[in-house]
């Protein structure tokens, strides 16, 4: 796990966290949990229920196709935390094409092919 330190803008208050990462056998991240602690030392303990877990889903090619983020707004505010899903869509050759957030907003990803990079130089 990792130790994190955050200073709140405006107040200057310090917050301390631990980041716990769970991996699959192939090294892909399955989940990240950020938990607030009572200090910045490795011996610090998690305080109360101040934690947040993000989980990730992969296809058989090892590409991330979804992530569940309870700290994200959803299209309908009354939806359960489990409905707050980011989607990752790929084109026919396996390049990331679009990322869609839980509200349905999408951002197109554009990658430059090796041939285009050679032409640009």
PDB file of N, CA and C in Angstrom:
ATOM      1  N   UNK A   1       0.835  -1.193   0.000  1.00  0.00           N
ATOM      2  CA  UNK A   1       0.000   0.000   0.000  1.00  0.00           C
ATOM      3  C   UNK A   1       0.878   1.255   0.000  1.00  0.00           C
ATOM      4  N   UNK A   2       0.263   2.395  -0.299  1.00  0.00           N
ATOM      5  CA  UNK A   2       0.970   3.669  -0.360  1.00  0.00           C
ATOM      6  C   UNK A   2       0.406   4.624   0.673  1.00  0.00           C
ATOM      7  N   UNK A   3       1.247   5.543   1.132  1.00  0.00           N
ATOM      8  CA  UNK A   3       0.810   6.591   2.048  1.00  0.00           C
ATOM      9  C   UNK A   3       0.620   7.871   1.255  1.00  0.00           C
ATOM     10  N   UNK A   4      -0.507   8.556   1.458  1.00  0.00           N
ATOM     11  CA  UNK A   4      -0.813   9.791   0.752  1.00  0.00           C
ATOM     12  C   UNK A   4      -1.050  10.912   1.745  1.00  0.00           C
ATOM     13  N   UNK A   5      -0.665  12.124   1.359  1.00  0.00           N
ATOM     14  CA  UNK A   5      -0.851  13.290   2.207  1.00  0.00           C
ATOM     15  C   UNK A   5      -1.487  14.372   1.364  1.00  0.00           C
ATOM     16  N   UNK A   6      -2.523  15.023   1.886  1.00  0.00           N
ATOM     17  CA  UNK A   6      -3.245  16.045   1.146  1.00  0.00           C
ATOM     18  C   UNK A   6      -3.466  17.255   2.046  1.00  0.00           C
ATOM     19  N   UNK A   7      -3.179  18.450   1.517  1.00  0.00           N
ATOM     20  CA  UNK A   7      -3.465  19.686   2.253  1.00  0.00           C
ATOM     21  C   UNK A   7      -4.660  20.353   1.596  1.00  0.00           C
ATOM     22  N   UNK A   8      -5.693  20.617   2.400  1.00  0.00           N
ATOM     23  CA  UNK A   8      -6.910  21.241   1.904  1.00  0.00           C
ATOM     24  C   UNK A   8      -6.647  22.705   1.557  1.00  0.00           C
ATOM     25  N   UNK A   9      -6.980  23.116   0.315  1.00  0.00           N
ATOM     26  CA  UNK A   9      -6.812  24.530  -0.026  1.00  0.00           C
ATOM     27  C   UNK A   9      -7.776  25.385   0.785  1.00  0.00           C
ATOM     28  N   UNK A  10      -7.335  26.537   1.141  1.00  0.00           N
ATOM     29  CA  UNK A  10      -8.188  27.438   1.919  1.00  0.00           C
ATOM     30  C   UNK A  10      -8.001  27.278   3.413  1.00  0.00           C
ATOM     31  N   UNK A  11      -8.113  26.044   3.920  1.00  0.00           N
ATOM     32  CA  UNK A  11      -7.984  25.826   5.364  1.00  0.00           C
ATOM     33  C   UNK A  11      -6.569  25.440   5.755  1.00  0.00           C
ATOM     34  N   UNK A  12      -5.851  24.788   4.849  1.00  0.00           N
ATOM     35  CA  UNK A  12      -4.502  24.338   5.163  1.00  0.00           C
ATOM     36  C   UNK A  12      -4.472  23.086   6.028  1.00  0.00           C
ATOM     37  N   UNK A  13      -5.645  22.497   6.290  1.00  0.00           N
ATOM     38  CA  UNK A  13      -5.707  21.282   7.101  1.00  0.00           C
ATOM     39  C   UNK A  13      -5.082  20.115   6.338  1.00  0.00           C
ATOM     40  N   UNK A  14      -4.384  19.266   7.067  1.00  0.00           N
ATOM     41  CA  UNK A  14      -3.775  18.081   6.483  1.00  0.00           C
ATOM     42  C   UNK A  14      -4.715  16.886   6.588  1.00  0.00           C
ATOM     43  N   UNK A  15      -4.745  16.088   5.515  1.00  0.00           N
ATOM     44  CA  UNK A  15      -5.469  14.825   5.527  1.00  0.00           C
ATOM     45  C   UNK A  15      -4.480  13.741   5.118  1.00  0.00           C
ATOM     46  N   UNK A  16      -4.602  12.602   5.758  1.00  0.00           N
ATOM     47  CA  UNK A  16      -3.693  11.488   5.490  1.00  0.00           C
ATOM     48  C   UNK A  16      -4.504  10.278   5.044  1.00  0.00           C
ATOM     49  N   UNK A  17      -3.987   9.577   4.023  1.00  0.00           N
ATOM     50  CA  UNK A  17      -4.681   8.434   3.447  1.00  0.00           C
ATOM     51  C   UNK A  17      -3.718   7.286   3.201  1.00  0.00           C
ATOM     52  N   UNK A  18      -4.276   6.100   3.097  1.00  0.00           N
ATOM     53  CA  UNK A  18      -3.551   4.930   2.600  1.00  0.00           C
ATOM     54  C   UNK A  18      -4.258   4.478   1.343  1.00  0.00           C
ATOM     55  N   UNK A  19      -3.487   4.071   0.362  1.00  0.00           N
ATOM     56  CA  UNK A  19      -4.031   3.581  -0.894  1.00  0.00           C
ATOM     57  C   UNK A  19      -3.682   2.105  -0.990  1.00  0.00           C
ATOM     58  N   UNK A  20      -4.717   1.262  -0.988  1.00  0.00           N
ATOM     59  CA  UNK A  20      -4.555  -0.181  -1.078  1.00  0.00           C
ATOM     60  C   UNK A  20      -4.908  -0.617  -2.494  1.00  0.00           C
ATOM     61  N   UNK A  21      -4.042  -1.372  -3.137  1.00  0.00           N
ATOM     62  CA  UNK A  21      -4.246  -1.810  -4.516  1.00  0.00           C
ATOM     63  C   UNK A  21      -4.315  -3.323  -4.562  1.00  0.00           C
ATOM     64  N   UNK A  22      -5.315  -3.852  -5.283  1.00  0.00           N
ATOM     65  CA  UNK A  22      -5.459  -5.291  -5.494  1.00  0.00           C
ATOM     66  C   UNK A  22      -5.198  -5.570  -6.967  1.00  0.00           C
ATOM     67  N   UNK A  23      -4.390  -6.595  -7.242  1.00  0.00           N
ATOM     68  CA  UNK A  23      -3.994  -6.917  -8.614  1.00  0.00           C
ATOM     69  C   UNK A  23      -4.487  -8.304  -9.025  1.00  0.00           C
ATOM     70  N   UNK A  24      -4.684  -8.481 -10.338  1.00  0.00           N
ATOM     71  CA  UNK A  24      -4.912  -9.805 -10.901  1.00  0.00           C
ATOM     72  C   UNK A  24      -3.565 -10.488 -11.049  1.00  0.00           C
ATOM     73  N   UNK A  25      -3.581 -11.755 -11.413  1.00  0.00           N
ATOM     74  CA  UNK A  25      -2.338 -12.508 -11.600  1.00  0.00           C
ATOM     75  C   UNK A  25      -1.471 -11.909 -12.704  1.00  0.00           C
ATOM     76  N   UNK A  26      -2.105 -11.270 -13.715  1.00  0.00           N
ATOM     77  CA  UNK A  26      -1.333 -10.689 -14.820  1.00  0.00           C
ATOM     78  C   UNK A  26      -0.867  -9.261 -14.530  1.00  0.00           C
ATOM     79  N   UNK A  27      -1.125  -8.750 -13.332  1.00  0.00           N
ATOM     80  CA  UNK A  27      -0.654  -7.427 -12.934  1.00  0.00           C
ATOM     81  C   UNK A  27      -1.648  -6.303 -13.132  1.00  0.00           C
ATOM     82  N   UNK A  28      -2.806  -6.576 -13.728  1.00  0.00           N
ATOM     83  CA  UNK A  28      -3.816  -5.541 -13.922  1.00  0.00           C
ATOM     84  C   UNK A  28      -4.470  -5.195 -12.584  1.00  0.00           C
ATOM     85  N   UNK A  29      -4.760  -3.918 -12.385  1.00  0.00           N
ATOM     86  CA  UNK A  29      -5.375  -3.461 -11.136  1.00  0.00           C
ATOM     87  C   UNK A  29      -6.854  -3.835 -11.129  1.00  0.00           C
ATOM     88  N   UNK A  30      -7.288  -4.533 -10.083  1.00  0.00           N
ATOM     89  CA  UNK A  30      -8.683  -4.938  -9.922  1.00  0.00           C
ATOM     90  C   UNK A  30      -9.434  -3.921  -9.077  1.00  0.00           C
ATOM     91  N   UNK A  31      -8.775  -3.382  -8.049  1.00  0.00           N
ATOM     92  CA  UNK A  31      -9.433  -2.384  -7.212  1.00  0.00           C
ATOM     93  C   UNK A  31      -8.405  -1.483  -6.539  1.00  0.00           C
ATOM     94  N   UNK A  32      -8.862  -0.267  -6.252  1.00  0.00           N
ATOM     95  CA  UNK A  32      -8.098   0.716  -5.485  1.00  0.00           C
ATOM     96  C   UNK A  32      -8.974   1.172  -4.334  1.00  0.00           C
ATOM     97  N   UNK A  33      -8.444   1.148  -3.126  1.00  0.00           N
ATOM     98  CA  UNK A  33      -9.182   1.642  -1.974  1.00  0.00           C
ATOM     99  C   UNK A  33      -8.372   2.749  -1.318  1.00  0.00           C
ATOM    100  N   UNK A  34      -8.994   3.921  -1.203  1.00  0.00           N
ATOM    101  CA  UNK A  34      -8.367   5.050  -0.504  1.00  0.00           C
ATOM    102  C   UNK A  34      -9.053   5.178   0.845  1.00  0.00           C
ATOM    103  N   UNK A  35      -8.280   5.077   1.920  1.00  0.00           N
ATOM    104  CA  UNK A  35      -8.838   5.128   3.267  1.00  0.00           C
ATOM    105  C   UNK A  35      -8.151   6.220   4.075  1.00  0.00           C
ATOM    106  N   UNK A  36      -8.951   7.039   4.759  1.00  0.00           N
ATOM    107  CA  UNK A  36      -8.372   8.095   5.590  1.00  0.00           C
ATOM    108  C   UNK A  36      -7.771   7.476   6.850  1.00  0.00           C
ATOM    109  N   UNK A  37      -6.593   7.977   7.238  1.00  0.00           N
ATOM    110  CA  UNK A  37      -5.898   7.456   8.414  1.00  0.00           C
ATOM    111  C   UNK A  37      -5.699   8.559   9.444  1.00  0.00           C
ATOM    112  N   UNK A  38      -5.214   8.163  10.603  1.00  0.00           N
ATOM    113  CA  UNK A  38      -4.994   9.128  11.679  1.00  0.00           C
ATOM    114  C   UNK A  38      -3.582   9.710  11.676  1.00  0.00           C
ATOM    115  N   UNK A  39      -2.823   9.501  10.629  1.00  0.00           N
ATOM    116  CA  UNK A  39      -1.483  10.079  10.529  1.00  0.00           C
ATOM    117  C   UNK A  39      -0.783   9.630   9.261  1.00  0.00           C
ATOM    118  N   UNK A  40       0.453  10.103   9.085  1.00  0.00           N
ATOM    119  CA  UNK A  40       1.197   9.827   7.863  1.00  0.00           C
ATOM    120  C   UNK A  40       2.219   8.708   8.021  1.00  0.00           C
ATOM    121  N   UNK A  41       2.298   8.103   9.180  1.00  0.00           N
ATOM    122  CA  UNK A  41       3.277   7.044   9.412  1.00  0.00           C
ATOM    123  C   UNK A  41       2.753   5.695   8.935  1.00  0.00           C
ATOM    124  N   UNK A  42       3.644   4.775   8.562  1.00  0.00           N
ATOM    125  CA  UNK A  42       3.192   3.440   8.150  1.00  0.00           C
ATOM    126  C   UNK A  42       2.362   2.723   9.218  1.00  0.00           C
ATOM    127  N   UNK A  43       2.564   3.081  10.471  1.00  0.00           N
ATOM    128  CA  UNK A  43       1.811   2.453  11.557  1.00  0.00           C
ATOM    129  C   UNK A  43       0.440   3.095  11.768  1.00  0.00           C
ATOM    130  N   UNK A  44       0.102   4.145  11.011  1.00  0.00           N
ATOM    131  CA  UNK A  44      -1.190   4.821  11.150  1.00  0.00           C
ATOM    132  C   UNK A  44      -2.330   3.879  10.793  1.00  0.00           C
ATOM    133  N   UNK A  45      -3.450   4.067  11.457  1.00  0.00           N
ATOM    134  CA  UNK A  45      -4.592   3.185  11.223  1.00  0.00           C
ATOM    135  C   UNK A  45      -5.719   3.931  10.509  1.00  0.00           C
ATOM    136  N   UNK A  46      -6.565   3.173   9.835  1.00  0.00           N
ATOM    137  CA  UNK A  46      -7.724   3.729   9.139  1.00  0.00           C
ATOM    138  C   UNK A  46      -8.713   4.229  10.179  1.00  0.00           C
ATOM    139  N   UNK A  47      -9.263   5.433   9.923  1.00  0.00           N
ATOM    140  CA  UNK A  47     -10.199   6.025  10.876  1.00  0.00           C
ATOM    141  C   UNK A  47     -11.635   5.842  10.397  1.00  0.00           C
ATOM    142  N   UNK A  48     -12.447   5.227  11.217  1.00  0.00           N
ATOM    143  CA  UNK A  48     -13.877   5.089  10.956  1.00  0.00           C
ATOM    144  C   UNK A  48     -14.198   4.470   9.605  1.00  0.00           C
ATOM    145  N   UNK A  49     -15.209   5.020   8.961  1.00  0.00           N
ATOM    146  CA  UNK A  49     -15.651   4.485   7.671  1.00  0.00           C
ATOM    147  C   UNK A  49     -15.279   5.418   6.523  1.00  0.00           C
ATOM    148  N   UNK A  50     -14.197   6.162   6.658  1.00  0.00           N
ATOM    149  CA  UNK A  50     -13.767   7.113   5.628  1.00  0.00           C
ATOM    150  C   UNK A  50     -12.904   6.403   4.597  1.00  0.00           C
ATOM    151  N   UNK A  51     -13.547   5.625   3.714  1.00  0.00           N
ATOM    152  CA  UNK A  51     -12.817   4.945   2.647  1.00  0.00           C
ATOM    153  C   UNK A  51     -13.667   4.903   1.390  1.00  0.00           C
ATOM    154  N   UNK A  52     -13.005   4.722   0.260  1.00  0.00           N
ATOM    155  CA  UNK A  52     -13.655   4.699  -1.041  1.00  0.00           C
ATOM    156  C   UNK A  52     -12.956   3.660  -1.901  1.00  0.00           C
ATOM    157  N   UNK A  53     -13.731   2.765  -2.525  1.00  0.00           N
ATOM    158  CA  UNK A  53     -13.147   1.710  -3.356  1.00  0.00           C
ATOM    159  C   UNK A  53     -13.616   1.849  -4.796  1.00  0.00           C
ATOM    160  N   UNK A  54     -12.663   1.858  -5.713  1.00  0.00           N
ATOM    161  CA  UNK A  54     -12.937   1.842  -7.152  1.00  0.00           C
ATOM    162  C   UNK A  54     -12.553   0.467  -7.668  1.00  0.00           C
ATOM    163  N   UNK A  55     -13.414  -0.123  -8.500  1.00  0.00           N
ATOM    164  CA  UNK A  55     -13.120  -1.441  -9.071  1.00  0.00           C
ATOM    165  C   UNK A  55     -13.067  -1.335 -10.596  1.00  0.00           C
ATOM    166  N   UNK A  56     -12.342  -2.262 -11.209  1.00  0.00           N
ATOM    167  CA  UNK A  56     -12.100  -2.235 -12.647  1.00  0.00           C
ATOM    168  C   UNK A  56     -12.443  -3.581 -13.269  1.00  0.00           C
ATOM    169  N   UNK A  57     -12.993  -3.557 -14.491  1.00  0.00           N
ATOM    170  CA  UNK A  57     -13.385  -4.762 -15.224  1.00  0.00           C
ATOM    171  C   UNK A  57     -12.635  -4.771 -16.550  1.00  0.00           C
ATOM    172  N   UNK A  58     -12.130  -5.946 -16.946  1.00  0.00           N
ATOM    173  CA  UNK A  58     -11.341  -6.091 -18.166  1.00  0.00           C
ATOM    174  C   UNK A  58     -11.980  -7.127 -19.084  1.00  0.00           C
ATOM    175  N   UNK A  59     -11.734  -6.976 -20.396  1.00  0.00           N
ATOM    176  CA  UNK A  59     -12.193  -7.993 -21.338  1.00  0.00           C
ATOM    177  C   UNK A  59     -11.131  -9.077 -21.470  1.00  0.00           C
ATOM    178  N   UNK A  60     -11.376 -10.066 -22.327  1.00  0.00           N
ATOM    179  CA  UNK A  60     -10.437 -11.187 -22.459  1.00  0.00           C
ATOM    180  C   UNK A  60      -9.115 -10.779 -23.093  1.00  0.00           C
ATOM    181  N   UNK A  61      -9.082  -9.604 -23.744  1.00  0.00           N
ATOM    182  CA  UNK A  61      -7.830  -9.101 -24.323  1.00  0.00           C
ATOM    183  C   UNK A  61      -7.034  -8.282 -23.312  1.00  0.00           C
ATOM    184  N   UNK A  62      -7.569  -8.123 -22.096  1.00  0.00           N
ATOM    185  CA  UNK A  62      -6.867  -7.390 -21.050  1.00  0.00           C
ATOM    186  C   UNK A  62      -7.103  -5.891 -21.072  1.00  0.00           C
ATOM    187  N   UNK A  63      -8.070  -5.421 -21.875  1.00  0.00           N
ATOM    188  CA  UNK A  63      -8.378  -3.996 -21.940  1.00  0.00           C
ATOM    189  C   UNK A  63      -9.414  -3.646 -20.879  1.00  0.00           C
ATOM    190  N   UNK A  64      -9.226  -2.517 -20.208  1.00  0.00           N
ATOM    191  CA  UNK A  64     -10.208  -2.078 -19.220  1.00  0.00           C
ATOM    192  C   UNK A  64     -11.461  -1.656 -19.965  1.00  0.00           C
ATOM    193  N   UNK A  65     -12.599  -2.253 -19.632  1.00  0.00           N
ATOM    194  CA  UNK A  65     -13.846  -1.920 -20.303  1.00  0.00           C
ATOM    195  C   UNK A  65     -14.838  -1.197 -19.386  1.00  0.00           C
ATOM    196  N   UNK A  66     -14.597  -1.234 -18.080  1.00  0.00           N
ATOM    197  CA  UNK A  66     -15.483  -0.544 -17.146  1.00  0.00           C
ATOM    198  C   UNK A  66     -14.761  -0.294 -15.833  1.00  0.00           C
ATOM    199  N   UNK A  67     -15.180   0.758 -15.156  1.00  0.00           N
ATOM    200  CA  UNK A  67     -14.728   0.996 -13.796  1.00  0.00           C
ATOM    201  C   UNK A  67     -15.907   1.534 -12.999  1.00  0.00           C
ATOM    202  N   UNK A  68     -16.014   1.085 -11.776  1.00  0.00           N
ATOM    203  CA  UNK A  68     -17.085   1.502 -10.875  1.00  0.00           C
ATOM    204  C   UNK A  68     -16.489   2.489  -9.883  1.00  0.00           C
ATOM    205  N   UNK A  69     -17.003   3.722  -9.895  1.00  0.00           N
ATOM    206  CA  UNK A  69     -16.449   4.792  -9.070  1.00  0.00           C
ATOM    207  C   UNK A  69     -17.558   5.427  -8.249  1.00  0.00           C
ATOM    208  N   UNK A  70     -17.672   5.088  -6.975  1.00  0.00           N
ATOM    209  CA  UNK A  70     -18.755   5.626  -6.147  1.00  0.00           C
ATOM    210  C   UNK A  70     -18.644   7.123  -5.898  1.00  0.00           C
ATOM    211  N   UNK A  71     -17.513   7.725  -6.247  1.00  0.00           N
ATOM    212  CA  UNK A  71     -17.301   9.149  -6.028  1.00  0.00           C
ATOM    213  C   UNK A  71     -17.652   9.977  -7.271  1.00  0.00           C
ATOM    214  N   UNK A  72     -18.344   9.374  -8.231  1.00  0.00           N
ATOM    215  CA  UNK A  72     -18.705  10.028  -9.487  1.00  0.00           C
ATOM    216  C   UNK A  72     -20.197  10.316  -9.512  1.00  0.00           C
ATOM    217  N   UNK A  73     -20.561  11.439 -10.112  1.00  0.00           N
ATOM    218  CA  UNK A  73     -21.977  11.752 -10.289  1.00  0.00           C
ATOM    219  C   UNK A  73     -22.584  10.804 -11.307  1.00  0.00           C
ATOM    220  N   UNK A  74     -23.830  10.432 -11.105  1.00  0.00           N
ATOM    221  CA  UNK A  74     -24.539   9.623 -12.090  1.00  0.00           C
ATOM    222  C   UNK A  74     -25.621  10.476 -12.735  1.00  0.00           C
ATOM    223  N   UNK A  75     -26.175   9.976 -13.815  1.00  0.00           N
ATOM    224  CA  UNK A  75     -27.226  10.705 -14.533  1.00  0.00           C
ATOM    225  C   UNK A  75     -28.420  10.952 -13.622  1.00  0.00           C
ATOM    226  N   UNK A  76     -28.735   9.986 -12.789  1.00  0.00           N
ATOM    227  CA  UNK A  76     -29.838  10.099 -11.834  1.00  0.00           C
ATOM    228  C   UNK A  76     -29.234  10.023 -10.436  1.00  0.00           C
ATOM    229  N   UNK A  77     -29.364  11.097  -9.673  1.00  0.00           N
ATOM    230  CA  UNK A  77     -28.728  11.177  -8.364  1.00  0.00           C
ATOM    231  C   UNK A  77     -29.154  10.109  -7.379  1.00  0.00           C
ATOM    232  N   UNK A  78     -30.331   9.510  -7.605  1.00  0.00           N
ATOM    233  CA  UNK A  78     -30.822   8.498  -6.674  1.00  0.00           C
ATOM    234  C   UNK A  78     -30.322   7.101  -7.015  1.00  0.00           C
ATOM    235  N   UNK A  79     -29.556   6.968  -8.094  1.00  0.00           N
ATOM    236  CA  UNK A  79     -29.028   5.651  -8.458  1.00  0.00           C
ATOM    237  C   UNK A  79     -28.070   5.162  -7.380  1.00  0.00           C
ATOM    238  N   UNK A  80     -28.016   3.851  -7.188  1.00  0.00           N
ATOM    239  CA  UNK A  80     -27.071   3.325  -6.203  1.00  0.00           C
ATOM    240  C   UNK A  80     -25.632   3.531  -6.667  1.00  0.00           C
ATOM    241  N   UNK A  81     -24.721   3.477  -5.738  1.00  0.00           N
ATOM    242  CA  UNK A  81     -23.304   3.678  -6.032  1.00  0.00           C
ATOM    243  C   UNK A  81     -22.821   2.701  -7.094  1.00  0.00           C
ATOM    244  N   UNK A  82     -23.359   1.487  -7.097  1.00  0.00           N
ATOM    245  CA  UNK A  82     -22.919   0.483  -8.072  1.00  0.00           C
ATOM    246  C   UNK A  82     -23.288   0.859  -9.506  1.00  0.00           C
ATOM    247  N   UNK A  83     -24.203   1.823  -9.698  1.00  0.00           N
ATOM    248  CA  UNK A  83     -24.600   2.250 -11.043  1.00  0.00           C
ATOM    249  C   UNK A  83     -23.706   3.369 -11.571  1.00  0.00           C
ATOM    250  N   UNK A  84     -22.709   3.741 -10.850  1.00  0.00           N
ATOM    251  CA  UNK A  84     -21.816   4.823 -11.261  1.00  0.00           C
ATOM    252  C   UNK A  84     -20.618   4.240 -11.994  1.00  0.00           C
ATOM    253  N   UNK A  85     -20.857   3.897 -13.256  1.00  0.00           N
ATOM    254  CA  UNK A  85     -19.892   3.146 -14.050  1.00  0.00           C
ATOM    255  C   UNK A  85     -19.334   3.975 -15.193  1.00  0.00           C
ATOM    256  N   UNK A  86     -18.025   3.928 -15.345  1.00  0.00           N
ATOM    257  CA  UNK A  86     -17.341   4.489 -16.513  1.00  0.00           C
ATOM    258  C   UNK A  86     -17.199   3.356 -17.524  1.00  0.00           C
ATOM    259  N   UNK A  87     -17.427   3.635 -18.806  1.00  0.00           N
ATOM    260  CA  UNK A  87     -17.295   2.636 -19.873  1.00  0.00           C
ATOM    261  C   UNK A  87     -16.169   3.041 -20.816  1.00  0.00           C
ATOM    262  N   UNK A  88     -15.415   2.060 -21.267  1.00  0.00           N
ATOM    263  CA  UNK A  88     -14.323   2.267 -22.205  1.00  0.00           C
ATOM    264  C   UNK A  88     -14.630   1.439 -23.451  1.00  0.00           C
ATOM    265  N   UNK A  89     -14.758   2.118 -24.609  1.00  0.00           N
ATOM    266  CA  UNK A  89     -15.133   1.450 -25.852  1.00  0.00           C
ATOM    267  C   UNK A  89     -13.954   1.455 -26.813  1.00  0.00           C
ATOM    268  N   UNK A  90     -13.751   0.326 -27.491  1.00  0.00           N
ATOM    269  CA  UNK A  90     -12.603   0.164 -28.376  1.00  0.00           C
ATOM    270  C   UNK A  90     -13.072  -0.043 -29.810  1.00  0.00           C
ATOM    271  N   UNK A  91     -12.222   0.368 -30.764  1.00  0.00           N
ATOM    272  CA  UNK A  91     -12.553   0.151 -32.175  1.00  0.00           C
ATOM    273  C   UNK A  91     -12.157  -1.261 -32.591  1.00  0.00           C
ATOM    274  N   UNK A  92     -12.336  -1.576 -33.877  1.00  0.00           N
ATOM    275  CA  UNK A  92     -12.100  -2.939 -34.367  1.00  0.00           C
ATOM    276  C   UNK A  92     -10.665  -3.412 -34.227  1.00  0.00           C
ATOM    277  N   UNK A  93      -9.714  -2.493 -34.227  1.00  0.00           N
ATOM    278  CA  UNK A  93      -8.307  -2.908 -34.112  1.00  0.00           C
ATOM    279  C   UNK A  93      -7.812  -2.871 -32.669  1.00  0.00           C
ATOM    280  N   UNK A  94      -8.704  -2.529 -31.733  1.00  0.00           N
ATOM    281  CA  UNK A  94      -8.350  -2.593 -30.326  1.00  0.00           C
ATOM    282  C   UNK A  94      -7.886  -1.293 -29.705  1.00  0.00           C
ATOM    283  N   UNK A  95      -7.958  -0.171 -30.450  1.00  0.00           N
ATOM    284  CA  UNK A  95      -7.583   1.127 -29.889  1.00  0.00           C
ATOM    285  C   UNK A  95      -8.748   1.707 -29.104  1.00  0.00           C
ATOM    286  N   UNK A  96      -8.437   2.417 -28.043  1.00  0.00           N
ATOM    287  CA  UNK A  96      -9.478   3.087 -27.264  1.00  0.00           C
ATOM    288  C   UNK A  96     -10.151   4.124 -28.143  1.00  0.00           C
ATOM    289  N   UNK A  97     -11.465   4.045 -28.252  1.00  0.00           N
ATOM    290  CA  UNK A  97     -12.204   4.968 -29.109  1.00  0.00           C
ATOM    291  C   UNK A  97     -12.972   6.013 -28.324  1.00  0.00           C
ATOM    292  N   UNK A  98     -13.651   5.583 -27.250  1.00  0.00           N
ATOM    293  CA  UNK A  98     -14.507   6.484 -26.489  1.00  0.00           C
ATOM    294  C   UNK A  98     -14.492   6.111 -25.016  1.00  0.00           C
ATOM    295  N   UNK A  99     -14.556   7.120 -24.172  1.00  0.00           N
ATOM    296  CA  UNK A  99     -14.741   6.927 -22.730  1.00  0.00           C
ATOM    297  C   UNK A  99     -16.067   7.589 -22.381  1.00  0.00           C
ATOM    298  N   UNK A 100     -16.944   6.852 -21.710  1.00  0.00           N
ATOM    299  CA  UNK A 100     -18.271   7.360 -21.352  1.00  0.00           C
ATOM    300  C   UNK A 100     -18.403   7.357 -19.833  1.00  0.00           C
ATOM    301  N   UNK A 101     -18.779   8.515 -19.265  1.00  0.00           N
ATOM    302  CA  UNK A 101     -18.933   8.604 -17.813  1.00  0.00           C
ATOM    303  C   UNK A 101     -20.344   8.163 -17.403  1.00  0.00           C
ATOM    304  N   UNK A 102     -20.624   8.056 -16.101  1.00  0.00           N
ATOM    305  CA  UNK A 102     -21.923   7.563 -15.643  1.00  0.00           C
ATOM    306  C   UNK A 102     -23.112   8.433 -16.067  1.00  0.00           C
ATOM    307  N   UNK A 103     -22.876   9.705 -16.373  1.00  0.00           N
ATOM    308  CA  UNK A 103     -23.957  10.586 -16.817  1.00  0.00           C
ATOM    309  C   UNK A 103     -24.271  10.401 -18.291  1.00  0.00           C
ATOM    310  N   UNK A 104     -23.450   9.605 -19.001  1.00  0.00           N
ATOM    311  CA  UNK A 104     -23.660   9.386 -20.421  1.00  0.00           C
ATOM    312  C   UNK A 104     -22.825  10.286 -21.302  1.00  0.00           C
ATOM    313  N   UNK A 105     -22.046  11.184 -20.705  1.00  0.00           N
ATOM    314  CA  UNK A 105     -21.169  12.058 -21.488  1.00  0.00           C
ATOM    315  C   UNK A 105     -20.010  11.239 -22.022  1.00  0.00           C
ATOM    316  N   UNK A 106     -19.629  11.510 -23.264  1.00  0.00           N
ATOM    317  CA  UNK A 106     -18.560  10.732 -23.890  1.00  0.00           C
ATOM    318  C   UNK A 106     -17.448  11.651 -24.365  1.00  0.00           C
ATOM    319  N   UNK A 107     -16.243  11.126 -24.329  1.00  0.00           N
ATOM    320  CA  UNK A 107     -15.077  11.814 -24.876  1.00  0.00           C
ATOM    321  C   UNK A 107     -14.410  10.857 -25.847  1.00  0.00           C
ATOM    322  N   UNK A 108     -14.197  11.325 -27.059  1.00  0.00           N
ATOM    323  CA  UNK A 108     -13.558  10.484 -28.071  1.00  0.00           C
ATOM    324  C   UNK A 108     -12.054  10.533 -27.878  1.00  0.00           C
ATOM    325  N   UNK A 109     -11.444   9.374 -27.958  1.00  0.00           N
ATOM    326  CA  UNK A 109      -9.983   9.285 -27.872  1.00  0.00           C
ATOM    327  C   UNK A 109      -9.454   9.183 -29.289  1.00  0.00           C
ATOM    328  N   UNK A 110      -8.372   9.876 -29.570  1.00  0.00           N
ATOM    329  CA  UNK A 110      -7.779   9.803 -30.900  1.00  0.00           C
ATOM    330  C   UNK A 110      -6.324   9.440 -30.737  1.00  0.00           C
ATOM    331  N   UNK A 111      -5.934   8.379 -31.408  1.00  0.00           N
ATOM    332  CA  UNK A 111      -4.529   8.003 -31.394  1.00  0.00           C
ATOM    333  C   UNK A 111      -3.973   8.164 -32.795  1.00  0.00           C
ATOM    334  N   UNK A 112      -2.698   8.444 -32.853  1.00  0.00           N
ATOM    335  CA  UNK A 112      -2.034   8.611 -34.130  1.00  0.00           C
ATOM    336  C   UNK A 112      -1.357   7.309 -34.489  1.00  0.00           C
ATOM    337  N   UNK A 113      -1.655   6.787 -35.665  1.00  0.00           N
ATOM    338  CA  UNK A 113      -1.052   5.522 -36.085  1.00  0.00           C
ATOM    339  C   UNK A 113       0.432   5.720 -36.367  1.00  0.00           C
ATOM    340  N   UNK A 114       1.156   4.626 -36.416  1.00  0.00           N
ATOM    341  CA  UNK A 114       2.590   4.687 -36.703  1.00  0.00           C
ATOM    342  C   UNK A 114       2.846   5.313 -38.068  1.00  0.00           C
ATOM    343  N   UNK A 115       1.994   5.002 -39.039  1.00  0.00           N
ATOM    344  CA  UNK A 115       2.157   5.578 -40.383  1.00  0.00           C
ATOM    345  C   UNK A 115       1.976   7.090 -40.337  1.00  0.00           C
ATOM    346  N   UNK A 116       0.950   7.586 -39.601  1.00  0.00           N
ATOM    347  CA  UNK A 116       0.732   9.017 -39.491  1.00  0.00           C
ATOM    348  C   UNK A 116       1.891   9.697 -38.777  1.00  0.00           C
ATOM    349  N   UNK A 117       2.467   9.052 -37.763  1.00  0.00           N
ATOM    350  CA  UNK A 117       3.595   9.646 -37.053  1.00  0.00           C
ATOM    351  C   UNK A 117       4.802   9.785 -37.967  1.00  0.00           C
ATOM    352  N   UNK A 118       5.030   8.819 -38.834  1.00  0.00           N
ATOM    353  CA  UNK A 118       6.160   8.899 -39.766  1.00  0.00           C
ATOM    354  C   UNK A 118       5.933  10.039 -40.747  1.00  0.00           C
ATOM    355  N   UNK A 119       4.707  10.209 -41.235  1.00  0.00           N
ATOM    356  CA  UNK A 119       4.400  11.283 -42.177  1.00  0.00           C
ATOM    357  C   UNK A 119       4.548  12.656 -41.543  1.00  0.00           C
ATOM    358  N   UNK A 120       4.270  12.744 -40.241  1.00  0.00           N
ATOM    359  CA  UNK A 120       4.355  14.037 -39.554  1.00  0.00           C
ATOM    360  C   UNK A 120       5.800  14.498 -39.362  1.00  0.00           C
ATOM    361  N   UNK A 121       6.734  13.592 -39.400  1.00  0.00           N
ATOM    362  CA  UNK A 121       8.128  13.974 -39.127  1.00  0.00           C
ATOM    363  C   UNK A 121       8.918  14.141 -40.361  1.00  0.00           C
TER     364      UNK A 121
END
